[in-house]
Every structure is written in C-alpha cells, then in structure tokens.
N, C-alpha and C. Protein backbone atom coordinates (compact mmCIF):
# COMPACT_ATOMS: atom_id res chain seq x y z
N UNK A 1 -144.84 192.86 309.08
CA UNK A 1 -145.30 193.14 307.67
C UNK A 1 -144.80 192.01 306.77
N UNK A 2 -145.60 191.55 305.88
CA UNK A 2 -145.19 190.42 304.87
C UNK A 2 -144.61 191.02 303.69
N UNK A 3 -143.51 190.32 303.29
CA UNK A 3 -142.92 190.73 302.03
C UNK A 3 -142.91 189.58 301.13
N UNK A 4 -142.74 189.88 299.80
CA UNK A 4 -142.93 188.89 298.82
C UNK A 4 -141.52 188.15 298.75
N UNK A 5 -141.67 186.68 298.73
CA UNK A 5 -140.58 185.80 298.80
C UNK A 5 -140.60 185.07 297.47
N UNK A 6 -141.74 185.05 296.78
CA UNK A 6 -141.54 184.34 295.33
C UNK A 6 -142.79 184.93 294.61
N UNK A 7 -142.51 185.27 293.26
CA UNK A 7 -143.38 185.74 292.36
C UNK A 7 -143.22 185.18 291.09
N UNK A 8 -144.26 184.70 290.40
CA UNK A 8 -144.09 184.10 288.96
C UNK A 8 -145.30 184.36 288.20
N UNK A 9 -145.26 184.56 286.85
CA UNK A 9 -146.22 184.95 286.13
C UNK A 9 -145.92 184.14 284.74
N UNK A 10 -146.97 183.34 284.34
CA UNK A 10 -146.78 182.61 283.14
C UNK A 10 -147.91 182.95 282.24
N UNK A 11 -147.67 183.02 280.95
CA UNK A 11 -148.69 183.46 280.00
C UNK A 11 -148.60 182.58 278.74
N UNK A 12 -149.75 182.52 278.05
CA UNK A 12 -149.69 181.86 276.71
C UNK A 12 -148.76 182.57 275.70
N UNK A 13 -148.45 183.90 276.04
CA UNK A 13 -147.53 184.59 275.13
C UNK A 13 -146.15 183.91 275.19
N UNK A 14 -145.80 183.20 276.26
CA UNK A 14 -144.50 182.52 276.45
C UNK A 14 -144.62 181.18 275.78
N UNK A 15 -145.67 180.66 275.50
CA UNK A 15 -145.89 179.30 275.06
C UNK A 15 -145.96 179.47 273.43
N UNK A 16 -144.81 179.18 272.77
CA UNK A 16 -144.77 179.57 271.38
C UNK A 16 -145.59 178.43 270.43
N UNK A 17 -145.66 177.27 270.94
CA UNK A 17 -146.35 176.13 270.05
C UNK A 17 -147.84 176.49 269.84
N UNK A 18 -148.50 177.13 270.91
CA UNK A 18 -149.86 177.36 270.82
C UNK A 18 -150.26 178.23 269.64
N UNK A 19 -149.25 179.28 269.37
CA UNK A 19 -149.44 180.22 268.39
C UNK A 19 -149.27 179.53 266.91
N UNK A 20 -148.65 178.50 266.71
CA UNK A 20 -148.41 177.78 265.58
C UNK A 20 -149.81 177.09 265.28
N UNK A 21 -150.67 176.93 266.16
CA UNK A 21 -152.04 176.41 265.97
C UNK A 21 -153.01 177.55 265.73
N UNK A 22 -153.00 178.39 266.63
CA UNK A 22 -154.09 179.53 266.62
C UNK A 22 -153.98 180.46 265.51
N UNK A 23 -152.78 180.97 265.26
CA UNK A 23 -152.65 181.85 264.15
C UNK A 23 -152.84 181.47 262.70
N UNK A 24 -152.47 180.21 262.32
CA UNK A 24 -152.75 179.82 260.93
C UNK A 24 -154.46 179.50 260.86
N UNK A 25 -154.95 179.02 261.76
CA UNK A 25 -156.33 178.82 261.76
C UNK A 25 -157.09 179.98 261.67
N UNK A 26 -156.76 181.09 262.39
CA UNK A 26 -157.31 182.32 262.42
C UNK A 26 -157.06 182.99 261.08
N UNK A 27 -155.92 182.95 260.62
CA UNK A 27 -155.66 183.65 259.36
C UNK A 27 -156.30 182.97 258.16
N UNK A 28 -156.34 181.64 258.20
CA UNK A 28 -156.89 180.82 257.18
C UNK A 28 -158.46 181.16 257.09
N UNK A 29 -159.12 181.19 258.18
CA UNK A 29 -160.61 181.44 258.14
C UNK A 29 -160.83 182.91 257.76
N UNK A 30 -160.04 183.72 258.21
CA UNK A 30 -160.29 185.20 257.83
C UNK A 30 -159.92 185.48 256.34
N UNK A 31 -158.84 184.76 255.88
CA UNK A 31 -158.65 184.94 254.48
C UNK A 31 -159.66 184.38 253.53
N UNK A 32 -160.31 183.12 253.86
CA UNK A 32 -161.34 182.65 253.14
C UNK A 32 -162.57 183.59 253.17
N UNK A 33 -163.01 184.10 254.35
CA UNK A 33 -164.07 184.74 254.42
C UNK A 33 -163.89 186.07 253.52
N UNK A 34 -162.73 186.68 253.53
CA UNK A 34 -162.35 187.94 252.75
C UNK A 34 -162.26 187.63 251.33
N UNK A 35 -161.99 186.35 250.93
CA UNK A 35 -161.99 186.06 249.68
C UNK A 35 -163.50 185.95 249.01
N UNK A 36 -164.27 185.27 249.92
CA UNK A 36 -165.75 185.21 249.55
C UNK A 36 -166.38 186.50 249.41
N UNK A 37 -166.07 187.46 250.34
CA UNK A 37 -166.48 188.76 250.35
C UNK A 37 -166.11 189.47 249.05
N UNK A 38 -164.80 189.33 248.69
CA UNK A 38 -164.27 189.93 247.52
C UNK A 38 -164.90 189.40 246.27
N UNK A 39 -165.17 188.14 246.17
CA UNK A 39 -165.71 187.57 245.03
C UNK A 39 -167.18 187.90 244.93
N UNK A 40 -168.02 188.04 245.94
CA UNK A 40 -169.37 188.29 245.82
C UNK A 40 -169.67 189.77 245.88
N UNK A 41 -169.08 190.41 246.62
CA UNK A 41 -169.32 191.89 246.80
C UNK A 41 -168.64 192.83 245.78
N UNK A 42 -167.42 192.54 245.50
CA UNK A 42 -166.53 193.34 244.63
C UNK A 42 -166.77 192.99 243.17
N UNK A 43 -166.49 191.64 242.97
CA UNK A 43 -166.55 191.12 241.55
C UNK A 43 -167.96 190.92 240.98
N UNK A 44 -168.99 190.80 242.04
CA UNK A 44 -170.35 190.63 241.69
C UNK A 44 -170.72 189.06 241.35
N UNK A 45 -169.73 188.11 241.58
CA UNK A 45 -170.00 186.70 241.31
C UNK A 45 -170.51 186.04 242.61
N UNK A 46 -171.44 185.30 242.58
CA UNK A 46 -171.83 184.45 243.62
C UNK A 46 -170.86 183.64 244.19
N UNK A 47 -170.72 183.62 245.59
CA UNK A 47 -169.67 182.84 246.18
C UNK A 47 -170.39 181.56 246.70
N UNK A 48 -170.04 180.26 246.23
CA UNK A 48 -170.64 179.24 246.48
C UNK A 48 -171.96 178.73 245.82
N UNK A 49 -172.42 177.41 246.05
CA UNK A 49 -173.47 176.91 245.41
C UNK A 49 -174.91 177.71 245.80
N UNK A 50 -175.00 177.94 247.13
CA UNK A 50 -176.04 178.63 247.64
C UNK A 50 -175.54 179.87 248.38
N UNK A 51 -175.35 180.97 247.60
CA UNK A 51 -174.59 182.09 248.31
C UNK A 51 -175.60 182.94 249.22
N UNK A 52 -174.99 183.50 250.13
CA UNK A 52 -175.67 184.40 251.23
C UNK A 52 -176.00 185.69 250.58
N UNK A 53 -176.83 186.50 251.10
CA UNK A 53 -177.19 187.79 250.59
C UNK A 53 -175.86 188.59 251.01
N UNK A 54 -175.70 189.68 250.17
CA UNK A 54 -174.53 190.46 250.35
C UNK A 54 -174.60 191.09 251.88
N UNK A 55 -175.62 191.30 252.42
CA UNK A 55 -175.67 192.07 253.73
C UNK A 55 -175.33 190.77 254.73
N UNK A 56 -175.79 189.69 254.59
CA UNK A 56 -175.44 188.57 255.47
C UNK A 56 -173.91 188.28 255.39
N UNK A 57 -173.42 188.10 254.21
CA UNK A 57 -172.13 187.95 253.88
C UNK A 57 -171.19 189.00 254.58
N UNK A 58 -171.57 190.19 254.37
CA UNK A 58 -170.59 191.21 255.15
C UNK A 58 -170.63 191.07 256.58
N UNK A 59 -171.86 190.83 257.08
CA UNK A 59 -172.00 190.78 258.64
C UNK A 59 -171.19 189.49 259.12
N UNK A 60 -171.35 188.51 258.37
CA UNK A 60 -170.69 187.18 258.76
C UNK A 60 -169.18 187.26 258.59
N UNK A 61 -168.55 188.04 257.61
CA UNK A 61 -167.31 188.30 257.39
C UNK A 61 -166.74 189.03 258.53
N UNK A 62 -167.51 190.13 258.84
CA UNK A 62 -166.96 191.01 259.94
C UNK A 62 -166.98 190.25 261.27
N UNK A 63 -168.19 189.51 261.47
CA UNK A 63 -168.34 188.73 262.73
C UNK A 63 -167.20 187.76 262.92
N UNK A 64 -166.74 187.02 261.96
CA UNK A 64 -165.60 186.00 261.97
C UNK A 64 -164.36 186.72 262.28
N UNK A 65 -164.02 187.86 261.74
CA UNK A 65 -162.95 188.60 262.02
C UNK A 65 -162.83 189.07 263.43
N UNK A 66 -163.97 189.67 263.73
CA UNK A 66 -164.07 190.17 265.24
C UNK A 66 -163.98 188.99 266.29
N UNK A 67 -164.45 187.92 266.07
CA UNK A 67 -164.44 186.94 267.04
C UNK A 67 -163.15 186.26 267.08
N UNK A 68 -162.39 186.10 265.89
CA UNK A 68 -161.04 185.61 265.86
C UNK A 68 -159.98 186.68 266.55
N UNK A 69 -160.30 187.89 266.41
CA UNK A 69 -159.50 188.82 267.03
C UNK A 69 -159.67 188.86 268.58
N UNK A 70 -160.90 188.69 268.99
CA UNK A 70 -161.16 188.47 270.50
C UNK A 70 -160.73 187.18 271.03
N UNK A 71 -160.60 186.32 270.29
CA UNK A 71 -160.11 184.85 270.74
C UNK A 71 -158.61 185.04 270.90
N UNK A 72 -157.87 185.60 269.91
CA UNK A 72 -156.49 185.80 270.17
C UNK A 72 -156.11 186.73 271.20
N UNK A 73 -156.94 187.79 271.39
CA UNK A 73 -156.73 188.73 272.60
C UNK A 73 -156.88 187.93 273.84
N UNK A 74 -158.02 187.05 274.04
CA UNK A 74 -158.18 186.33 275.31
C UNK A 74 -157.03 185.39 275.52
N UNK A 75 -156.59 184.54 274.57
CA UNK A 75 -155.54 183.60 274.66
C UNK A 75 -154.34 184.32 275.09
N UNK A 76 -154.07 185.55 274.51
CA UNK A 76 -152.68 186.10 274.91
C UNK A 76 -152.87 186.87 276.29
N UNK A 77 -154.03 187.04 276.77
CA UNK A 77 -154.25 187.62 278.09
C UNK A 77 -154.30 186.59 279.30
N UNK A 78 -154.55 185.40 278.95
CA UNK A 78 -154.57 184.34 279.97
C UNK A 78 -153.15 184.11 280.65
N UNK A 79 -153.09 184.19 282.03
CA UNK A 79 -151.88 184.03 282.62
C UNK A 79 -152.18 183.41 284.03
N UNK A 80 -151.12 182.78 284.52
CA UNK A 80 -151.12 182.33 286.05
C UNK A 80 -150.20 183.25 286.60
N UNK A 81 -150.62 183.97 287.65
CA UNK A 81 -149.82 184.68 288.53
C UNK A 81 -149.82 184.13 289.97
N UNK A 82 -148.63 183.87 290.40
CA UNK A 82 -148.51 183.34 291.77
C UNK A 82 -147.59 184.32 292.58
N UNK A 83 -147.84 184.60 293.72
CA UNK A 83 -147.16 185.40 294.55
C UNK A 83 -147.15 184.92 295.93
N UNK A 84 -146.11 184.61 296.62
CA UNK A 84 -146.02 184.06 297.99
C UNK A 84 -145.26 185.18 298.83
N UNK A 85 -145.88 185.48 299.87
CA UNK A 85 -145.28 186.49 300.89
C UNK A 85 -144.96 185.57 302.00
N UNK A 86 -144.44 186.17 303.14
CA UNK A 86 -144.12 185.41 304.21
C UNK A 86 -145.45 184.92 304.98
N UNK A 87 -146.53 185.55 304.69
CA UNK A 87 -147.89 185.21 305.36
C UNK A 87 -148.98 184.84 304.46
N UNK A 88 -148.73 184.93 303.15
CA UNK A 88 -149.90 184.56 302.26
C UNK A 88 -149.54 183.90 300.98
N UNK A 89 -150.43 183.20 300.35
CA UNK A 89 -150.28 182.73 298.96
C UNK A 89 -151.37 183.43 298.26
N UNK A 90 -150.90 184.07 297.09
CA UNK A 90 -151.93 184.63 296.22
C UNK A 90 -151.83 184.25 294.84
N UNK A 91 -152.84 184.12 294.12
CA UNK A 91 -152.96 183.64 292.75
C UNK A 91 -153.92 184.37 292.07
N UNK A 92 -153.81 184.31 290.66
CA UNK A 92 -154.92 184.78 289.84
C UNK A 92 -154.65 184.10 288.47
N UNK A 93 -155.69 183.81 287.87
CA UNK A 93 -155.63 183.17 286.51
C UNK A 93 -155.56 184.15 285.31
N UNK A 94 -156.64 184.92 285.24
CA UNK A 94 -156.87 185.93 284.08
C UNK A 94 -156.59 187.38 284.57
N UNK A 95 -155.65 188.02 283.89
CA UNK A 95 -155.11 189.35 284.39
C UNK A 95 -156.20 190.33 284.45
N UNK A 96 -157.30 190.21 283.82
CA UNK A 96 -158.33 191.11 283.74
C UNK A 96 -159.47 190.99 284.77
N UNK A 97 -159.34 189.87 285.57
CA UNK A 97 -160.17 189.82 286.81
C UNK A 97 -159.82 190.88 287.81
N UNK A 98 -160.53 191.54 288.48
CA UNK A 98 -160.16 192.59 289.39
C UNK A 98 -159.27 192.02 290.38
N UNK A 99 -159.56 191.03 291.17
CA UNK A 99 -158.74 190.36 292.34
C UNK A 99 -158.45 189.01 292.10
N UNK A 100 -157.40 188.64 292.57
CA UNK A 100 -157.15 187.18 292.70
C UNK A 100 -157.58 186.56 293.92
N UNK A 101 -157.08 185.44 294.26
CA UNK A 101 -157.50 184.96 295.58
C UNK A 101 -156.34 184.75 296.41
N UNK A 102 -156.49 184.89 297.84
CA UNK A 102 -155.36 184.86 298.88
C UNK A 102 -155.74 183.70 299.87
N UNK A 103 -154.78 182.96 300.03
CA UNK A 103 -154.69 181.89 301.05
C UNK A 103 -153.71 182.19 302.08
N UNK A 104 -154.09 181.83 303.29
CA UNK A 104 -153.04 181.91 304.49
C UNK A 104 -152.50 180.49 304.54
N UNK A 105 -151.36 180.41 305.46
CA UNK A 105 -150.89 179.17 305.59
C UNK A 105 -151.83 178.15 306.35
N UNK A 106 -152.80 178.77 307.07
CA UNK A 106 -153.82 178.01 307.84
C UNK A 106 -154.78 177.40 306.81
N UNK A 107 -154.92 178.03 305.66
CA UNK A 107 -155.90 177.51 304.65
C UNK A 107 -155.37 176.20 303.89
N UNK A 108 -154.13 176.02 303.89
CA UNK A 108 -153.33 174.90 303.17
C UNK A 108 -152.99 173.91 304.11
N UNK A 109 -153.53 172.73 303.75
CA UNK A 109 -153.29 171.45 304.61
C UNK A 109 -151.99 170.79 304.12
N UNK A 110 -151.84 170.79 302.76
CA UNK A 110 -150.64 170.08 302.21
C UNK A 110 -150.30 170.60 300.84
N UNK A 111 -149.10 170.45 300.32
CA UNK A 111 -148.81 170.97 299.05
C UNK A 111 -147.76 169.94 298.46
N UNK A 112 -147.75 169.79 297.11
CA UNK A 112 -146.81 168.84 296.55
C UNK A 112 -146.45 169.71 295.01
N UNK A 113 -145.22 169.46 294.63
CA UNK A 113 -144.81 170.00 293.44
C UNK A 113 -144.29 168.64 292.58
N UNK A 114 -144.99 168.45 291.48
CA UNK A 114 -144.64 167.34 290.71
C UNK A 114 -144.32 167.66 289.26
N UNK A 115 -143.60 166.80 288.58
CA UNK A 115 -143.31 166.92 287.21
C UNK A 115 -144.66 166.90 286.33
N UNK A 116 -144.91 167.72 285.51
CA UNK A 116 -146.18 167.76 284.76
C UNK A 116 -146.31 166.46 283.85
N UNK A 117 -147.43 165.97 283.90
CA UNK A 117 -147.92 164.80 282.99
C UNK A 117 -149.38 165.10 282.55
N UNK A 118 -149.78 164.55 281.47
CA UNK A 118 -151.19 164.66 281.08
C UNK A 118 -151.99 164.15 282.09
N UNK A 119 -151.63 163.14 282.91
CA UNK A 119 -152.51 162.54 283.99
C UNK A 119 -152.67 163.65 285.06
N UNK A 120 -151.63 164.30 285.61
CA UNK A 120 -151.84 165.16 286.76
C UNK A 120 -152.23 166.58 286.30
N UNK A 121 -151.84 166.94 285.10
CA UNK A 121 -152.12 168.34 284.67
C UNK A 121 -153.40 168.42 283.94
N UNK A 122 -153.85 167.37 283.21
CA UNK A 122 -155.04 167.22 282.36
C UNK A 122 -155.33 168.45 281.52
N UNK A 123 -154.25 168.77 280.59
CA UNK A 123 -154.30 169.73 279.60
C UNK A 123 -153.94 171.06 279.93
N UNK A 124 -154.15 172.04 279.08
CA UNK A 124 -153.83 173.53 279.37
C UNK A 124 -155.18 174.37 279.69
N UNK A 125 -154.79 175.45 280.31
CA UNK A 125 -155.84 176.41 280.47
C UNK A 125 -156.40 176.27 281.89
N UNK A 126 -157.73 176.75 281.99
CA UNK A 126 -158.43 176.69 283.25
C UNK A 126 -159.47 175.66 283.33
N UNK A 127 -159.46 174.98 284.40
CA UNK A 127 -160.59 174.00 284.53
C UNK A 127 -160.96 173.96 285.96
N UNK A 128 -162.29 173.96 286.01
CA UNK A 128 -162.86 173.81 287.45
C UNK A 128 -163.80 172.59 287.45
N UNK A 129 -163.33 171.48 288.14
CA UNK A 129 -163.93 170.21 288.26
C UNK A 129 -164.73 170.31 289.68
N UNK A 130 -166.06 170.58 289.55
CA UNK A 130 -166.78 170.76 290.68
C UNK A 130 -167.01 169.58 291.48
N UNK A 131 -167.10 168.28 290.77
CA UNK A 131 -167.35 167.09 291.34
C UNK A 131 -166.18 166.73 292.22
N UNK A 132 -164.98 166.97 291.88
CA UNK A 132 -163.83 166.65 292.49
C UNK A 132 -163.30 167.77 293.43
N UNK A 133 -163.89 168.91 293.34
CA UNK A 133 -163.53 170.12 294.08
C UNK A 133 -162.04 170.42 293.63
N UNK A 134 -161.70 170.52 292.34
CA UNK A 134 -160.42 170.81 291.94
C UNK A 134 -160.45 171.92 290.86
N UNK A 135 -159.49 172.74 291.07
CA UNK A 135 -159.36 173.91 290.10
C UNK A 135 -157.99 173.70 289.55
N UNK A 136 -157.76 173.69 288.18
CA UNK A 136 -156.56 173.51 287.44
C UNK A 136 -156.18 174.83 286.77
N UNK A 137 -155.10 175.40 286.83
CA UNK A 137 -154.69 176.54 286.12
C UNK A 137 -153.29 176.15 285.48
N UNK A 138 -153.23 175.69 284.35
CA UNK A 138 -152.02 175.29 283.56
C UNK A 138 -151.75 175.99 282.45
N UNK A 139 -150.69 176.71 282.38
CA UNK A 139 -150.23 177.49 281.12
C UNK A 139 -149.05 176.82 280.50
N UNK A 140 -147.92 176.74 281.32
CA UNK A 140 -146.67 176.25 280.68
C UNK A 140 -146.33 174.95 281.48
N UNK A 141 -146.66 173.90 280.85
CA UNK A 141 -146.49 172.59 281.74
C UNK A 141 -145.11 172.16 281.88
N UNK A 142 -144.54 172.47 282.99
CA UNK A 142 -143.23 172.04 283.38
C UNK A 142 -143.48 171.31 284.68
N UNK A 143 -143.87 171.95 285.73
CA UNK A 143 -144.18 171.33 287.13
C UNK A 143 -145.56 171.74 287.51
N UNK A 144 -146.12 171.02 288.21
CA UNK A 144 -147.55 171.40 288.86
C UNK A 144 -147.49 171.41 290.32
N UNK A 145 -147.90 172.49 290.90
CA UNK A 145 -147.99 172.78 292.30
C UNK A 145 -149.52 172.47 292.62
N UNK A 146 -149.66 171.53 293.56
CA UNK A 146 -150.88 171.05 294.00
C UNK A 146 -151.13 171.40 295.36
N UNK A 147 -152.14 172.34 295.73
CA UNK A 147 -152.48 172.69 297.07
C UNK A 147 -153.77 171.98 297.52
N UNK A 148 -153.64 171.36 298.70
CA UNK A 148 -154.92 170.73 299.28
C UNK A 148 -155.29 171.69 300.28
N UNK A 149 -156.60 172.18 300.32
CA UNK A 149 -156.95 173.15 301.28
C UNK A 149 -157.84 172.59 302.40
N UNK A 150 -157.98 173.34 303.62
CA UNK A 150 -158.71 172.79 304.57
C UNK A 150 -160.26 172.55 304.35
N UNK A 151 -160.81 173.27 303.36
CA UNK A 151 -162.22 173.02 303.01
C UNK A 151 -162.37 171.82 302.07
N UNK A 152 -161.22 171.02 301.80
CA UNK A 152 -161.34 169.90 300.89
C UNK A 152 -161.12 170.16 299.37
N UNK A 153 -160.95 171.48 299.05
CA UNK A 153 -160.64 171.83 297.76
C UNK A 153 -159.29 171.49 297.30
N UNK A 154 -158.94 171.40 296.01
CA UNK A 154 -157.60 171.11 295.50
C UNK A 154 -157.44 172.27 294.41
N UNK A 155 -156.19 172.96 294.47
CA UNK A 155 -155.85 173.91 293.51
C UNK A 155 -154.52 173.48 292.82
N UNK A 156 -154.51 173.34 291.49
CA UNK A 156 -153.30 172.89 290.71
C UNK A 156 -152.99 174.04 289.84
N UNK A 157 -151.66 174.40 289.98
CA UNK A 157 -151.07 175.49 289.03
C UNK A 157 -149.75 175.03 288.53
N UNK A 158 -149.45 175.45 287.19
CA UNK A 158 -148.25 175.27 286.66
C UNK A 158 -147.18 176.09 287.24
N UNK A 159 -145.90 175.72 287.15
CA UNK A 159 -144.78 176.61 287.57
C UNK A 159 -143.60 176.25 286.73
N UNK A 160 -142.84 177.07 286.38
CA UNK A 160 -141.50 176.85 285.67
C UNK A 160 -140.37 177.01 286.65
N UNK A 161 -140.58 177.25 287.88
CA UNK A 161 -139.40 177.54 288.77
C UNK A 161 -139.66 176.67 290.00
N UNK A 162 -139.42 175.28 289.93
CA UNK A 162 -139.61 174.36 290.96
C UNK A 162 -138.86 174.76 292.26
N UNK A 163 -137.54 174.89 292.11
CA UNK A 163 -136.79 175.07 293.31
C UNK A 163 -137.16 176.32 294.25
N UNK A 164 -137.25 177.41 293.50
CA UNK A 164 -137.57 178.69 294.25
C UNK A 164 -139.08 178.50 294.82
N UNK A 165 -140.07 178.03 293.98
CA UNK A 165 -141.28 177.78 294.58
C UNK A 165 -141.23 176.90 295.86
N UNK A 166 -140.50 175.63 295.79
CA UNK A 166 -140.45 174.85 296.96
C UNK A 166 -139.92 175.55 298.23
N UNK A 167 -138.75 176.31 297.99
CA UNK A 167 -138.26 177.18 299.21
C UNK A 167 -139.44 178.02 299.66
N UNK A 168 -140.02 178.89 298.82
CA UNK A 168 -141.02 179.72 299.14
C UNK A 168 -142.13 178.99 299.98
N UNK A 169 -142.63 177.95 299.52
CA UNK A 169 -143.74 177.14 300.04
C UNK A 169 -143.29 176.63 301.48
N UNK A 170 -141.99 176.16 301.60
CA UNK A 170 -141.57 175.69 302.83
C UNK A 170 -141.55 176.83 303.84
N UNK A 171 -141.05 177.97 303.44
CA UNK A 171 -141.06 179.23 304.34
C UNK A 171 -142.32 179.59 304.63
N UNK A 172 -143.40 179.75 303.70
CA UNK A 172 -144.72 180.11 304.05
C UNK A 172 -145.42 179.04 305.15
N UNK A 173 -145.17 177.92 304.92
CA UNK A 173 -145.83 176.71 305.77
C UNK A 173 -145.14 176.76 307.06
N UNK A 174 -143.82 177.12 307.23
CA UNK A 174 -143.26 177.13 308.56
C UNK A 174 -143.41 178.50 309.11
N UNK A 175 -143.80 179.56 308.35
CA UNK A 175 -143.94 180.96 308.86
C UNK A 175 -142.74 181.38 309.52
N UNK A 176 -141.50 181.10 309.00
CA UNK A 176 -140.36 181.49 309.63
C UNK A 176 -139.51 182.29 308.69
N UNK A 177 -138.90 183.32 309.27
CA UNK A 177 -137.92 184.27 308.46
C UNK A 177 -136.73 183.59 308.12
N UNK A 178 -136.27 182.57 308.79
CA UNK A 178 -135.06 181.96 308.76
C UNK A 178 -134.93 180.73 307.87
N UNK A 179 -135.92 180.28 307.09
CA UNK A 179 -135.87 179.05 306.46
C UNK A 179 -135.22 179.48 305.07
C-alpha cells in the first residue's frame, strides 16, 4: 500500500504582491462604473460626451462588477497541488477540476529541481506549450520541479520546499522504503 511521503499546495492567496495589482485595478474600475451609474441614473446628468442609455449603463456596470468578482474568485482558487506517495506522483493545478493527474515512477524519465528564473519558469500561472510539449504550473516562484516523461512531455511546477521534494522524488524514483 502506498503512503504519502510529500504533499504541497501553493495558491495565489499566499502570493501577496499579486493582490497589490489585482485589487486596486478591480476596485478602481468598479468605483468608476458606480460613479457613472450614480451620476446618470440617480442624479439624472449624462455621464460622458456620448452617454449610454440607462439600461445599457446599468447592464454594463453590473457586468463589470460580476466579471471582476469572478476574476478575483478564479485567481484566489488557482493552486498547484503536489502529492508524492511511495508509488505515484499526483498533481493538480485548479482545485475545482474533478481529478488531477497521476504518474508512476515508470512514466518519469528524469527530474530536476532548479532555482526559479524568468527563463526556466516563464512567468506565473498555467501554460501549455503544445509545440514544445511542455506544461508549466507556477504559482510561488521559488524553485521549479521539471519532470521529463517517457512520452516526451515536460511538466514544470513551482515548489517552495526543495529539500523535502528532492528527498521524496529520490524515494519515488528508487521505489525504496529505506531512502
């Protein structure tokens, strides 16, 4: 029976600086739309040089607020989950996807753990580069785990716990209880 030897979950909720960008932009556009709504609907003064109709302005204001709320929800829900057992490597990017993916040690040809750089991580979030057969899942750029698979694909994930991940990967690849 396999047991969990490593587990890590990273989310954008842990990455404070992203919220210093997202929240002011969302609040600014929402406040601007609500100001326009207030000026045109409540005060009865046209908002702008070519004002929208009241119905269109109401719909547009509600739409902007809903889209911003959904965007904030999606960003806060994005996470990278890694779980390594004595027999398998499991990972998942978005916690609302029903299932993650599972790899056995036979699926993995090679692995490396490197310090994050813009060159090897190539930004934050999820990226699927079909031409290079590479999937990148980077949330908290500290170190990057790169898995090379037997089918030629490459999977890259961020990790904040290099030493424990290294130990767990060595144990998985050797498939030994004593490593």
